[in-house]
């Protein structure tokens, strides 16, 4: 297996960019508390900083999650492309304005014959990538805190909690989430990934990372 056939169409690049930007704005509003107060606060304090933090934390988490699905699908000989759901992207921004967030930016659609193992590995690739990103954001947070770089520390803390949450949430064995596919392939793999992801996410929320 290889990724020699990995490529991105102009539409796919546009969809990925749109999802990345929309989620950056949505999470900036969400972390500002939502509502008119959040909008005014961001505008008064400068919109670039909050949106940039969200682009580099939440946006990166969603972006690499979807790209990971595509990469593994292509490795297994699939024709795979990401398609943004613009209605859901709009809902993400609107829900953030209301003080909560519901983000389902789109999905990687693929076609071709697959074994249960291959299908499971494609599904697992997204949450596993989020787990790796969480591990990367942890030292970013620690370095930022140590040297007193507030922006770096904030990107690290939010990147850590958001990616842990994405890893755990997407492994829930329900509906279209990745966990249902992974569980259908291998119960042992599902348990080995899901249980630590849930525990680490809960621990990060208790400690207060990202808030």
N, C-alpha and C. Protein backbone atom coordinates (compact mmCIF):
# COMPACT_ATOMS: atom_id res chain seq x y z
N UNK A 1 0.85 -1.20 0.00
CA UNK A 1 0.00 0.00 0.00
C UNK A 1 0.88 1.25 0.00
N UNK A 2 0.45 2.29 -0.74
CA UNK A 2 1.17 3.55 -0.74
C UNK A 2 0.18 4.69 -0.96
N UNK A 3 0.70 5.89 -0.94
CA UNK A 3 -0.16 7.05 -1.14
C UNK A 3 0.27 7.81 -2.40
N UNK A 4 0.77 7.07 -3.37
CA UNK A 4 1.22 7.70 -4.61
C UNK A 4 0.07 8.39 -5.32
N UNK A 5 -1.15 7.92 -5.12
CA UNK A 5 -2.30 8.50 -5.79
C UNK A 5 -2.98 9.58 -4.96
N UNK A 6 -2.36 10.00 -3.87
CA UNK A 6 -2.95 11.03 -3.02
C UNK A 6 -2.89 12.38 -3.73
N UNK A 7 -4.04 12.98 -3.89
CA UNK A 7 -4.11 14.31 -4.51
C UNK A 7 -5.35 15.01 -3.99
N UNK A 8 -5.38 16.33 -4.15
CA UNK A 8 -6.50 17.12 -3.69
C UNK A 8 -7.02 17.96 -4.85
N UNK A 9 -8.30 17.81 -5.14
CA UNK A 9 -8.91 18.60 -6.21
C UNK A 9 -9.09 20.04 -5.73
N UNK A 10 -9.32 20.95 -6.66
CA UNK A 10 -9.52 22.34 -6.30
C UNK A 10 -10.77 22.50 -5.42
N UNK A 11 -11.81 21.72 -5.71
CA UNK A 11 -13.02 21.79 -4.89
C UNK A 11 -12.74 21.30 -3.47
N UNK A 12 -11.95 20.23 -3.36
CA UNK A 12 -11.64 19.69 -2.05
C UNK A 12 -10.81 20.67 -1.23
N UNK A 13 -9.84 21.32 -1.85
CA UNK A 13 -9.02 22.32 -1.16
C UNK A 13 -9.90 23.47 -0.69
N UNK A 14 -10.83 23.89 -1.56
CA UNK A 14 -11.75 24.97 -1.19
C UNK A 14 -12.62 24.56 0.00
N UNK A 15 -13.13 23.33 -0.03
CA UNK A 15 -13.98 22.84 1.06
C UNK A 15 -13.20 22.72 2.37
N UNK A 16 -11.97 22.23 2.30
CA UNK A 16 -11.14 22.13 3.50
C UNK A 16 -10.84 23.52 4.07
N UNK A 17 -10.53 24.46 3.20
CA UNK A 17 -10.23 25.82 3.65
C UNK A 17 -11.47 26.47 4.28
N UNK A 18 -12.62 26.27 3.65
CA UNK A 18 -13.87 26.85 4.18
C UNK A 18 -14.19 26.27 5.55
N UNK A 19 -14.03 24.96 5.71
CA UNK A 19 -14.30 24.32 7.00
C UNK A 19 -13.33 24.81 8.06
N UNK A 20 -12.08 24.93 7.70
CA UNK A 20 -11.04 25.39 8.64
C UNK A 20 -11.35 26.81 9.13
N UNK A 21 -11.68 27.71 8.21
CA UNK A 21 -11.95 29.10 8.57
C UNK A 21 -13.24 29.21 9.38
N UNK A 22 -14.30 28.52 8.94
CA UNK A 22 -15.58 28.60 9.65
C UNK A 22 -15.45 28.08 11.08
N UNK A 23 -14.71 26.99 11.25
CA UNK A 23 -14.52 26.45 12.60
C UNK A 23 -13.64 27.36 13.44
N UNK A 24 -12.69 28.02 12.81
CA UNK A 24 -11.87 28.98 13.54
C UNK A 24 -12.71 30.11 14.11
N UNK A 25 -13.62 30.64 13.29
CA UNK A 25 -14.51 31.70 13.74
C UNK A 25 -15.46 31.18 14.81
N UNK A 26 -16.04 29.99 14.57
CA UNK A 26 -17.01 29.42 15.51
C UNK A 26 -16.39 29.19 16.89
N UNK A 27 -15.21 28.60 16.93
CA UNK A 27 -14.59 28.32 18.23
C UNK A 27 -14.10 29.59 18.91
N UNK A 28 -13.73 30.60 18.13
CA UNK A 28 -13.35 31.89 18.73
C UNK A 28 -14.55 32.49 19.45
N UNK A 29 -15.72 32.43 18.82
CA UNK A 29 -16.95 32.94 19.44
C UNK A 29 -17.33 32.10 20.66
N UNK A 30 -17.18 30.79 20.52
CA UNK A 30 -17.54 29.89 21.62
C UNK A 30 -16.68 30.15 22.86
N UNK A 31 -15.38 30.26 22.68
CA UNK A 31 -14.48 30.47 23.82
C UNK A 31 -14.63 31.87 24.40
N UNK A 32 -15.21 32.79 23.60
CA UNK A 32 -15.46 34.14 24.11
C UNK A 32 -16.78 34.20 24.87
N UNK A 33 -17.51 33.08 24.90
CA UNK A 33 -18.75 33.01 25.67
C UNK A 33 -20.01 33.11 24.87
N UNK A 34 -19.90 33.37 23.56
CA UNK A 34 -21.09 33.44 22.71
C UNK A 34 -21.87 34.73 22.90
N UNK A 35 -22.84 34.92 22.02
CA UNK A 35 -23.73 36.06 22.13
C UNK A 35 -23.11 37.37 21.68
N UNK A 36 -23.91 38.44 21.77
CA UNK A 36 -23.47 39.76 21.35
C UNK A 36 -22.25 40.23 22.14
N UNK A 37 -22.23 39.85 23.39
CA UNK A 37 -21.11 40.23 24.25
C UNK A 37 -19.79 39.67 23.72
N UNK A 38 -19.83 38.41 23.25
CA UNK A 38 -18.63 37.78 22.71
C UNK A 38 -18.18 38.49 21.44
N UNK A 39 -19.15 38.81 20.58
CA UNK A 39 -18.82 39.49 19.33
C UNK A 39 -18.19 40.85 19.61
N UNK A 40 -18.81 41.62 20.51
CA UNK A 40 -18.29 42.94 20.86
C UNK A 40 -16.91 42.83 21.51
N UNK A 41 -16.76 41.83 22.39
CA UNK A 41 -15.48 41.64 23.05
C UNK A 41 -14.37 41.33 22.09
N UNK A 42 -14.66 40.47 21.11
CA UNK A 42 -13.67 40.10 20.10
C UNK A 42 -13.33 41.30 19.23
N UNK A 43 -14.37 42.05 18.82
CA UNK A 43 -14.15 43.20 17.95
C UNK A 43 -13.35 44.29 18.66
N UNK A 44 -13.65 44.49 19.94
CA UNK A 44 -12.95 45.53 20.70
C UNK A 44 -11.50 45.13 20.99
N UNK A 45 -11.32 43.85 21.30
CA UNK A 45 -9.97 43.38 21.64
C UNK A 45 -9.14 42.97 20.45
N UNK A 46 -9.79 42.90 19.27
CA UNK A 46 -9.09 42.46 18.07
C UNK A 46 -9.49 41.05 17.71
N UNK A 47 -9.93 40.87 16.47
CA UNK A 47 -10.46 39.57 16.04
C UNK A 47 -9.35 38.60 15.63
N UNK A 48 -8.21 39.13 15.23
CA UNK A 48 -7.14 38.28 14.69
C UNK A 48 -6.64 37.28 15.71
N UNK A 49 -6.37 37.73 16.94
CA UNK A 49 -5.82 36.84 17.96
C UNK A 49 -6.72 35.67 18.29
N UNK A 50 -7.99 35.90 18.68
CA UNK A 50 -8.89 34.80 19.02
C UNK A 50 -9.12 33.82 17.86
N UNK A 51 -9.30 34.36 16.65
CA UNK A 51 -9.53 33.48 15.50
C UNK A 51 -8.27 32.68 15.19
N UNK A 52 -7.10 33.32 15.29
CA UNK A 52 -5.85 32.61 15.01
C UNK A 52 -5.64 31.47 16.01
N UNK A 53 -5.93 31.72 17.28
CA UNK A 53 -5.83 30.66 18.29
C UNK A 53 -6.72 29.48 17.92
N UNK A 54 -7.96 29.78 17.50
CA UNK A 54 -8.89 28.72 17.14
C UNK A 54 -8.49 27.99 15.87
N UNK A 55 -7.97 28.74 14.90
CA UNK A 55 -7.50 28.10 13.67
C UNK A 55 -6.36 27.13 13.94
N UNK A 56 -5.47 27.51 14.86
CA UNK A 56 -4.29 26.69 15.15
C UNK A 56 -4.58 25.55 16.14
N UNK A 57 -5.73 25.57 16.78
CA UNK A 57 -6.07 24.51 17.74
C UNK A 57 -7.24 23.68 17.24
N UNK A 58 -8.46 24.22 17.32
CA UNK A 58 -9.64 23.50 16.85
C UNK A 58 -9.58 23.25 15.34
N UNK A 59 -9.22 24.30 14.58
CA UNK A 59 -9.17 24.16 13.13
C UNK A 59 -8.21 23.09 12.67
N UNK A 60 -7.02 23.07 13.27
CA UNK A 60 -6.02 22.06 12.92
C UNK A 60 -6.51 20.67 13.29
N UNK A 61 -7.18 20.56 14.44
CA UNK A 61 -7.70 19.26 14.86
C UNK A 61 -8.70 18.69 13.89
N UNK A 62 -9.66 19.49 13.46
CA UNK A 62 -10.65 19.04 12.49
C UNK A 62 -10.02 18.76 11.13
N UNK A 63 -9.14 19.65 10.70
CA UNK A 63 -8.52 19.52 9.38
C UNK A 63 -7.72 18.23 9.26
N UNK A 64 -6.85 17.97 10.23
CA UNK A 64 -6.01 16.78 10.15
C UNK A 64 -6.80 15.50 10.41
N UNK A 65 -7.88 15.60 11.17
CA UNK A 65 -8.76 14.45 11.37
C UNK A 65 -9.30 13.97 10.03
N UNK A 66 -9.81 14.90 9.23
CA UNK A 66 -10.39 14.53 7.94
C UNK A 66 -9.32 14.10 6.94
N UNK A 67 -8.19 14.79 6.94
CA UNK A 67 -7.11 14.41 6.02
C UNK A 67 -6.59 13.01 6.34
N UNK A 68 -6.56 12.66 7.63
CA UNK A 68 -6.12 11.32 8.02
C UNK A 68 -7.04 10.25 7.45
N UNK A 69 -8.35 10.50 7.52
CA UNK A 69 -9.29 9.55 6.90
C UNK A 69 -8.98 9.37 5.42
N UNK A 70 -8.74 10.47 4.74
CA UNK A 70 -8.47 10.42 3.30
C UNK A 70 -7.18 9.66 2.99
N UNK A 71 -6.12 9.98 3.74
CA UNK A 71 -4.81 9.35 3.48
C UNK A 71 -4.91 7.84 3.62
N UNK A 72 -5.53 7.35 4.69
CA UNK A 72 -5.62 5.91 4.90
C UNK A 72 -6.55 5.27 3.86
N UNK A 73 -7.62 5.96 3.50
CA UNK A 73 -8.52 5.44 2.47
C UNK A 73 -7.79 5.27 1.14
N UNK A 74 -6.97 6.26 0.78
CA UNK A 74 -6.20 6.19 -0.46
C UNK A 74 -5.17 5.07 -0.39
N UNK A 75 -4.59 4.86 0.79
CA UNK A 75 -3.64 3.76 0.97
C UNK A 75 -4.28 2.41 0.67
N UNK A 76 -5.57 2.33 0.91
CA UNK A 76 -6.29 1.09 0.64
C UNK A 76 -6.97 1.09 -0.73
N UNK A 77 -6.51 1.97 -1.60
CA UNK A 77 -6.98 1.96 -2.98
C UNK A 77 -8.31 2.63 -3.23
N UNK A 78 -8.77 3.44 -2.26
CA UNK A 78 -10.05 4.11 -2.41
C UNK A 78 -9.93 5.42 -3.19
N UNK A 79 -11.02 5.80 -3.81
CA UNK A 79 -11.14 7.16 -4.34
C UNK A 79 -11.81 7.94 -3.23
N UNK A 80 -11.11 8.92 -2.67
CA UNK A 80 -11.60 9.59 -1.47
C UNK A 80 -11.43 11.10 -1.57
N UNK A 81 -12.46 11.82 -1.17
CA UNK A 81 -12.41 13.29 -1.16
C UNK A 81 -13.24 13.83 0.00
N UNK A 82 -12.74 14.93 0.58
CA UNK A 82 -13.50 15.62 1.63
C UNK A 82 -14.52 16.54 0.99
N UNK A 83 -15.72 16.53 1.56
CA UNK A 83 -16.77 17.44 1.14
C UNK A 83 -17.30 18.19 2.36
N UNK A 84 -17.22 19.50 2.32
CA UNK A 84 -17.74 20.31 3.41
C UNK A 84 -19.26 20.31 3.39
N UNK A 85 -19.84 20.37 4.57
CA UNK A 85 -21.29 20.54 4.71
C UNK A 85 -21.50 22.00 5.10
N UNK A 86 -21.83 22.83 4.14
CA UNK A 86 -21.90 24.27 4.39
C UNK A 86 -23.05 24.64 5.32
N UNK A 87 -24.11 23.85 5.29
CA UNK A 87 -25.21 24.08 6.23
C UNK A 87 -24.76 23.84 7.66
N UNK A 88 -23.97 22.79 7.87
CA UNK A 88 -23.48 22.48 9.22
C UNK A 88 -22.41 23.47 9.66
N UNK A 89 -21.64 23.98 8.71
CA UNK A 89 -20.65 25.01 9.05
C UNK A 89 -21.36 26.29 9.51
N UNK A 90 -22.44 26.63 8.83
CA UNK A 90 -23.24 27.79 9.25
C UNK A 90 -23.81 27.55 10.64
N UNK A 91 -24.30 26.32 10.88
CA UNK A 91 -24.85 25.99 12.19
C UNK A 91 -23.79 26.09 13.28
N UNK A 92 -22.55 25.72 12.95
CA UNK A 92 -21.46 25.80 13.93
C UNK A 92 -21.27 27.25 14.39
N UNK A 93 -21.29 28.18 13.45
CA UNK A 93 -21.11 29.59 13.79
C UNK A 93 -22.31 30.10 14.58
N UNK A 94 -23.53 29.75 14.13
CA UNK A 94 -24.74 30.21 14.81
C UNK A 94 -24.82 29.65 16.22
N UNK A 95 -24.49 28.35 16.38
CA UNK A 95 -24.54 27.74 17.72
C UNK A 95 -23.51 28.38 18.63
N UNK A 96 -22.34 28.73 18.08
CA UNK A 96 -21.31 29.39 18.89
C UNK A 96 -21.80 30.75 19.37
N UNK A 97 -22.55 31.44 18.53
CA UNK A 97 -23.13 32.72 18.93
C UNK A 97 -24.13 32.54 20.07
N UNK A 98 -24.77 31.36 20.11
CA UNK A 98 -25.75 31.07 21.16
C UNK A 98 -25.08 30.59 22.45
N UNK A 99 -23.77 30.40 22.42
CA UNK A 99 -23.06 30.02 23.64
C UNK A 99 -22.70 28.56 23.75
N UNK A 100 -23.05 27.76 22.73
CA UNK A 100 -22.61 26.36 22.69
C UNK A 100 -22.14 26.10 21.27
N UNK A 101 -21.59 24.94 21.03
CA UNK A 101 -21.09 24.68 19.68
C UNK A 101 -21.44 23.28 19.22
N UNK A 102 -21.91 23.22 17.99
CA UNK A 102 -22.20 21.95 17.33
C UNK A 102 -21.47 21.97 16.01
N UNK A 103 -20.43 21.18 15.90
CA UNK A 103 -19.57 21.23 14.72
C UNK A 103 -19.49 19.89 14.01
N UNK A 104 -20.02 19.85 12.81
CA UNK A 104 -19.90 18.68 11.93
C UNK A 104 -19.57 19.23 10.55
N UNK A 105 -18.30 19.56 10.30
CA UNK A 105 -17.92 20.34 9.13
C UNK A 105 -18.08 19.63 7.78
N UNK A 106 -18.21 18.34 7.80
CA UNK A 106 -18.29 17.58 6.56
C UNK A 106 -17.68 16.21 6.78
N UNK A 107 -17.35 15.53 5.70
CA UNK A 107 -16.80 14.18 5.83
C UNK A 107 -16.01 13.81 4.59
N UNK A 108 -15.14 12.82 4.77
CA UNK A 108 -14.42 12.25 3.63
C UNK A 108 -15.27 11.13 3.05
N UNK A 109 -15.63 11.27 1.80
CA UNK A 109 -16.43 10.25 1.11
C UNK A 109 -15.47 9.40 0.27
N UNK A 110 -15.60 8.10 0.39
CA UNK A 110 -14.72 7.22 -0.39
C UNK A 110 -15.52 6.07 -0.98
N UNK A 111 -15.00 5.52 -2.05
CA UNK A 111 -15.66 4.39 -2.70
C UNK A 111 -14.62 3.38 -3.16
N UNK A 112 -15.03 2.14 -3.15
CA UNK A 112 -14.15 1.04 -3.50
C UNK A 112 -14.39 -0.12 -2.54
N UNK A 113 -13.88 -1.26 -2.85
CA UNK A 113 -14.10 -2.44 -2.02
C UNK A 113 -13.14 -2.44 -0.83
N UNK A 114 -13.69 -2.75 0.35
CA UNK A 114 -12.90 -2.74 1.57
C UNK A 114 -13.22 -3.96 2.43
N UNK A 115 -12.22 -4.43 3.16
CA UNK A 115 -12.45 -5.44 4.18
C UNK A 115 -12.90 -4.72 5.46
N UNK A 116 -13.40 -5.48 6.42
CA UNK A 116 -13.82 -4.88 7.70
C UNK A 116 -12.63 -4.22 8.39
N UNK A 117 -11.46 -4.85 8.30
CA UNK A 117 -10.25 -4.29 8.91
C UNK A 117 -9.88 -2.96 8.27
N UNK A 118 -9.88 -2.90 6.94
CA UNK A 118 -9.53 -1.67 6.24
C UNK A 118 -10.52 -0.56 6.57
N UNK A 119 -11.79 -0.90 6.59
CA UNK A 119 -12.82 0.09 6.92
C UNK A 119 -12.62 0.60 8.35
N UNK A 120 -12.28 -0.32 9.25
CA UNK A 120 -12.04 0.07 10.64
C UNK A 120 -10.82 0.96 10.79
N UNK A 121 -9.76 0.67 10.06
CA UNK A 121 -8.54 1.47 10.13
C UNK A 121 -8.74 2.87 9.55
N UNK A 122 -9.55 2.97 8.50
CA UNK A 122 -9.86 4.28 7.95
C UNK A 122 -10.60 5.11 9.00
N UNK A 123 -11.56 4.50 9.68
CA UNK A 123 -12.32 5.19 10.71
C UNK A 123 -11.43 5.58 11.89
N UNK A 124 -10.54 4.68 12.29
CA UNK A 124 -9.67 4.92 13.44
C UNK A 124 -8.66 6.02 13.17
N UNK A 125 -8.31 6.22 11.91
CA UNK A 125 -7.25 7.19 11.56
C UNK A 125 -7.55 8.59 12.06
N UNK A 126 -8.82 9.01 11.99
CA UNK A 126 -9.18 10.36 12.44
C UNK A 126 -8.96 10.56 13.92
N UNK A 127 -9.61 9.77 14.79
CA UNK A 127 -9.38 9.91 16.23
C UNK A 127 -7.93 9.70 16.64
N UNK A 128 -7.24 8.75 15.99
CA UNK A 128 -5.84 8.50 16.32
C UNK A 128 -4.98 9.73 16.02
N UNK A 129 -5.29 10.41 14.93
CA UNK A 129 -4.57 11.64 14.58
C UNK A 129 -4.81 12.71 15.64
N UNK A 130 -6.05 12.82 16.12
CA UNK A 130 -6.34 13.79 17.18
C UNK A 130 -5.56 13.47 18.45
N UNK A 131 -5.40 12.18 18.75
CA UNK A 131 -4.63 11.79 19.93
C UNK A 131 -3.16 12.20 19.77
N UNK A 132 -2.63 12.02 18.58
CA UNK A 132 -1.24 12.43 18.31
C UNK A 132 -1.11 13.95 18.42
N UNK A 133 -2.08 14.67 17.88
CA UNK A 133 -2.04 16.13 17.96
C UNK A 133 -2.11 16.60 19.41
N UNK A 134 -2.93 15.93 20.23
CA UNK A 134 -3.01 16.29 21.65
C UNK A 134 -1.64 16.15 22.31
N UNK A 135 -0.93 15.08 21.95
CA UNK A 135 0.41 14.86 22.51
C UNK A 135 1.38 15.94 22.05
N UNK A 136 1.17 16.47 20.85
CA UNK A 136 2.03 17.54 20.34
C UNK A 136 1.71 18.87 21.02
N UNK A 137 0.43 19.11 21.26
CA UNK A 137 0.03 20.39 21.87
C UNK A 137 0.43 20.47 23.34
N UNK A 138 0.60 19.34 24.02
CA UNK A 138 0.99 19.38 25.43
C UNK A 138 2.33 20.09 25.63
N UNK A 139 3.41 19.71 24.92
CA UNK A 139 4.66 20.45 25.11
C UNK A 139 4.57 21.90 24.64
N UNK A 140 3.70 22.18 23.66
CA UNK A 140 3.51 23.57 23.24
C UNK A 140 2.98 24.39 24.42
N UNK A 141 2.00 23.81 25.13
CA UNK A 141 1.45 24.47 26.31
C UNK A 141 2.52 24.64 27.40
N UNK A 142 3.29 23.58 27.65
CA UNK A 142 4.30 23.62 28.71
C UNK A 142 5.39 24.65 28.39
N UNK A 143 5.82 24.69 27.14
CA UNK A 143 6.85 25.65 26.74
C UNK A 143 6.32 27.08 26.86
N UNK A 144 5.09 27.28 26.37
CA UNK A 144 4.48 28.61 26.45
C UNK A 144 4.33 29.09 27.88
N UNK A 145 3.94 28.17 28.77
CA UNK A 145 3.78 28.51 30.18
C UNK A 145 5.13 28.83 30.82
N UNK A 146 6.14 28.04 30.47
CA UNK A 146 7.47 28.20 31.06
C UNK A 146 8.12 29.52 30.68
N UNK A 147 7.97 29.90 29.40
CA UNK A 147 8.64 31.12 28.94
C UNK A 147 7.73 32.34 29.05
N UNK A 148 6.51 32.13 29.52
CA UNK A 148 5.59 33.26 29.68
C UNK A 148 4.99 33.76 28.39
N UNK A 149 4.91 32.87 27.39
CA UNK A 149 4.32 33.23 26.10
C UNK A 149 2.83 32.89 26.15
N UNK A 150 2.00 33.88 26.47
CA UNK A 150 0.57 33.63 26.69
C UNK A 150 -0.12 33.05 25.46
N UNK A 151 0.19 33.59 24.28
CA UNK A 151 -0.43 33.10 23.05
C UNK A 151 -0.09 31.63 22.82
N UNK A 152 1.18 31.29 22.96
CA UNK A 152 1.63 29.91 22.76
C UNK A 152 0.99 28.97 23.77
N UNK A 153 0.91 29.40 25.02
CA UNK A 153 0.30 28.59 26.06
C UNK A 153 -1.18 28.36 25.79
N UNK A 154 -1.86 29.40 25.28
CA UNK A 154 -3.29 29.28 24.99
C UNK A 154 -3.54 28.34 23.82
N UNK A 155 -2.73 28.46 22.77
CA UNK A 155 -2.84 27.53 21.63
C UNK A 155 -2.61 26.10 22.10
N UNK A 156 -1.59 25.91 22.93
CA UNK A 156 -1.28 24.57 23.43
C UNK A 156 -2.38 23.98 24.28
N UNK A 157 -2.93 24.79 25.21
CA UNK A 157 -3.96 24.27 26.11
C UNK A 157 -5.25 23.95 25.36
N UNK A 158 -5.65 24.84 24.46
CA UNK A 158 -6.87 24.59 23.71
C UNK A 158 -6.68 23.48 22.68
N UNK A 159 -5.51 23.43 22.08
CA UNK A 159 -5.24 22.33 21.14
C UNK A 159 -5.27 20.99 21.84
N UNK A 160 -4.77 20.95 23.07
CA UNK A 160 -4.77 19.70 23.84
C UNK A 160 -6.18 19.24 24.16
N UNK A 161 -7.00 20.11 24.75
CA UNK A 161 -8.33 19.72 25.19
C UNK A 161 -9.25 19.42 24.00
N UNK A 162 -9.15 20.22 22.95
CA UNK A 162 -10.03 20.02 21.79
C UNK A 162 -9.69 18.72 21.09
N UNK A 163 -8.41 18.42 20.94
CA UNK A 163 -8.04 17.19 20.24
C UNK A 163 -8.32 15.94 21.08
N UNK A 164 -8.17 16.05 22.40
CA UNK A 164 -8.58 14.93 23.26
C UNK A 164 -10.08 14.70 23.13
N UNK A 165 -10.85 15.80 23.14
CA UNK A 165 -12.29 15.68 23.01
C UNK A 165 -12.68 15.07 21.67
N UNK A 166 -12.05 15.51 20.60
CA UNK A 166 -12.35 14.96 19.27
C UNK A 166 -12.03 13.48 19.19
N UNK A 167 -10.92 13.09 19.80
CA UNK A 167 -10.53 11.67 19.80
C UNK A 167 -11.56 10.84 20.53
N UNK A 168 -12.03 11.32 21.69
CA UNK A 168 -13.00 10.56 22.49
C UNK A 168 -14.39 10.60 21.87
N UNK A 169 -14.84 11.79 21.48
CA UNK A 169 -16.20 11.94 20.96
C UNK A 169 -16.41 11.14 19.68
N UNK A 170 -15.44 11.21 18.78
CA UNK A 170 -15.59 10.50 17.50
C UNK A 170 -15.52 8.98 17.65
N UNK A 171 -15.05 8.51 18.82
CA UNK A 171 -15.01 7.08 19.05
C UNK A 171 -16.27 6.55 19.74
N UNK A 172 -17.24 7.42 19.98
CA UNK A 172 -18.52 6.93 20.51
C UNK A 172 -19.13 5.99 19.48
N UNK A 173 -19.62 4.82 19.91
CA UNK A 173 -20.09 3.81 18.95
C UNK A 173 -21.54 4.03 18.52
N UNK A 174 -21.83 5.21 18.02
CA UNK A 174 -23.20 5.54 17.64
C UNK A 174 -23.24 6.22 16.27
N UNK A 175 -24.36 6.02 15.58
CA UNK A 175 -24.62 6.74 14.33
C UNK A 175 -23.47 6.71 13.35
N UNK A 176 -23.15 7.88 12.77
CA UNK A 176 -22.10 7.94 11.76
C UNK A 176 -20.70 8.14 12.34
N UNK A 177 -20.57 8.13 13.67
CA UNK A 177 -19.27 8.38 14.29
C UNK A 177 -18.30 7.22 14.04
N UNK A 178 -17.01 7.54 14.10
CA UNK A 178 -15.97 6.56 13.78
C UNK A 178 -15.99 5.35 14.70
N UNK A 179 -16.37 5.56 15.95
CA UNK A 179 -16.33 4.47 16.92
C UNK A 179 -17.21 3.30 16.54
N UNK A 180 -18.34 3.56 15.91
CA UNK A 180 -19.23 2.47 15.52
C UNK A 180 -18.56 1.55 14.50
N UNK A 181 -17.83 2.15 13.57
CA UNK A 181 -17.13 1.36 12.55
C UNK A 181 -15.97 0.59 13.18
N UNK A 182 -15.23 1.24 14.07
CA UNK A 182 -14.10 0.57 14.73
C UNK A 182 -14.60 -0.58 15.58
N UNK A 183 -15.67 -0.38 16.33
CA UNK A 183 -16.23 -1.44 17.17
C UNK A 183 -16.71 -2.61 16.32
N UNK A 184 -17.28 -2.32 15.17
CA UNK A 184 -17.74 -3.38 14.28
C UNK A 184 -16.59 -4.21 13.72
N UNK A 185 -15.42 -3.61 13.66
CA UNK A 185 -14.24 -4.34 13.17
C UNK A 185 -13.55 -5.09 14.30
N UNK A 186 -13.26 -4.40 15.42
CA UNK A 186 -12.48 -5.02 16.50
C UNK A 186 -12.87 -4.43 17.85
N UNK A 187 -13.47 -5.25 18.70
CA UNK A 187 -13.85 -4.78 20.05
C UNK A 187 -12.61 -4.44 20.88
N UNK A 188 -11.54 -5.22 20.73
CA UNK A 188 -10.33 -4.98 21.52
C UNK A 188 -9.67 -3.66 21.14
N UNK A 189 -9.59 -3.36 19.85
CA UNK A 189 -9.01 -2.10 19.40
C UNK A 189 -9.87 -0.94 19.89
N UNK A 190 -11.19 -1.11 19.79
CA UNK A 190 -12.10 -0.06 20.25
C UNK A 190 -11.88 0.25 21.72
N UNK A 191 -11.86 -0.77 22.56
CA UNK A 191 -11.71 -0.58 24.00
C UNK A 191 -10.34 0.02 24.32
N UNK A 192 -9.29 -0.48 23.66
CA UNK A 192 -7.92 -0.03 23.92
C UNK A 192 -7.75 1.45 23.60
N UNK A 193 -8.51 1.96 22.64
CA UNK A 193 -8.40 3.38 22.29
C UNK A 193 -9.42 4.23 23.04
N UNK A 194 -10.65 3.77 23.10
CA UNK A 194 -11.74 4.59 23.63
C UNK A 194 -11.61 4.86 25.12
N UNK A 195 -11.28 3.83 25.90
CA UNK A 195 -11.23 4.01 27.36
C UNK A 195 -10.16 5.04 27.76
N UNK A 196 -8.92 4.93 27.30
CA UNK A 196 -7.93 5.97 27.65
C UNK A 196 -8.33 7.35 27.14
N UNK A 197 -8.94 7.41 25.95
CA UNK A 197 -9.34 8.71 25.39
C UNK A 197 -10.38 9.37 26.28
N UNK A 198 -11.35 8.61 26.76
CA UNK A 198 -12.38 9.15 27.65
C UNK A 198 -11.77 9.62 28.97
N UNK A 199 -10.90 8.81 29.54
CA UNK A 199 -10.28 9.15 30.83
C UNK A 199 -9.40 10.40 30.72
N UNK A 200 -8.61 10.47 29.66
CA UNK A 200 -7.73 11.63 29.48
C UNK A 200 -8.53 12.90 29.22
N UNK A 201 -9.60 12.78 28.44
CA UNK A 201 -10.44 13.94 28.16
C UNK A 201 -11.11 14.44 29.43
N UNK A 202 -11.65 13.52 30.21
CA UNK A 202 -12.29 13.89 31.48
C UNK A 202 -11.28 14.56 32.41
N UNK A 203 -10.06 14.01 32.47
CA UNK A 203 -9.02 14.59 33.31
C UNK A 203 -8.65 15.99 32.87
N UNK A 204 -8.57 16.20 31.55
CA UNK A 204 -8.22 17.52 31.03
C UNK A 204 -9.30 18.54 31.35
N UNK A 205 -10.57 18.13 31.28
CA UNK A 205 -11.66 19.04 31.63
C UNK A 205 -11.63 19.38 33.11
N UNK A 206 -11.32 18.39 33.92
CA UNK A 206 -11.26 18.62 35.38
C UNK A 206 -10.16 19.62 35.71
N UNK A 207 -9.00 19.44 35.05
CA UNK A 207 -7.87 20.36 35.29
C UNK A 207 -8.18 21.76 34.75
N UNK A 208 -9.00 21.79 33.69
CA UNK A 208 -9.39 23.08 33.14
C UNK A 208 -8.57 23.54 31.96
N UNK A 209 -7.95 22.62 31.22
CA UNK A 209 -7.18 22.98 30.04
C UNK A 209 -8.08 23.68 29.03
N UNK A 210 -7.57 24.76 28.47
CA UNK A 210 -8.26 25.45 27.39
C UNK A 210 -9.26 26.48 27.84
N UNK A 211 -9.50 26.58 29.15
CA UNK A 211 -10.54 27.51 29.62
C UNK A 211 -9.95 28.55 30.58
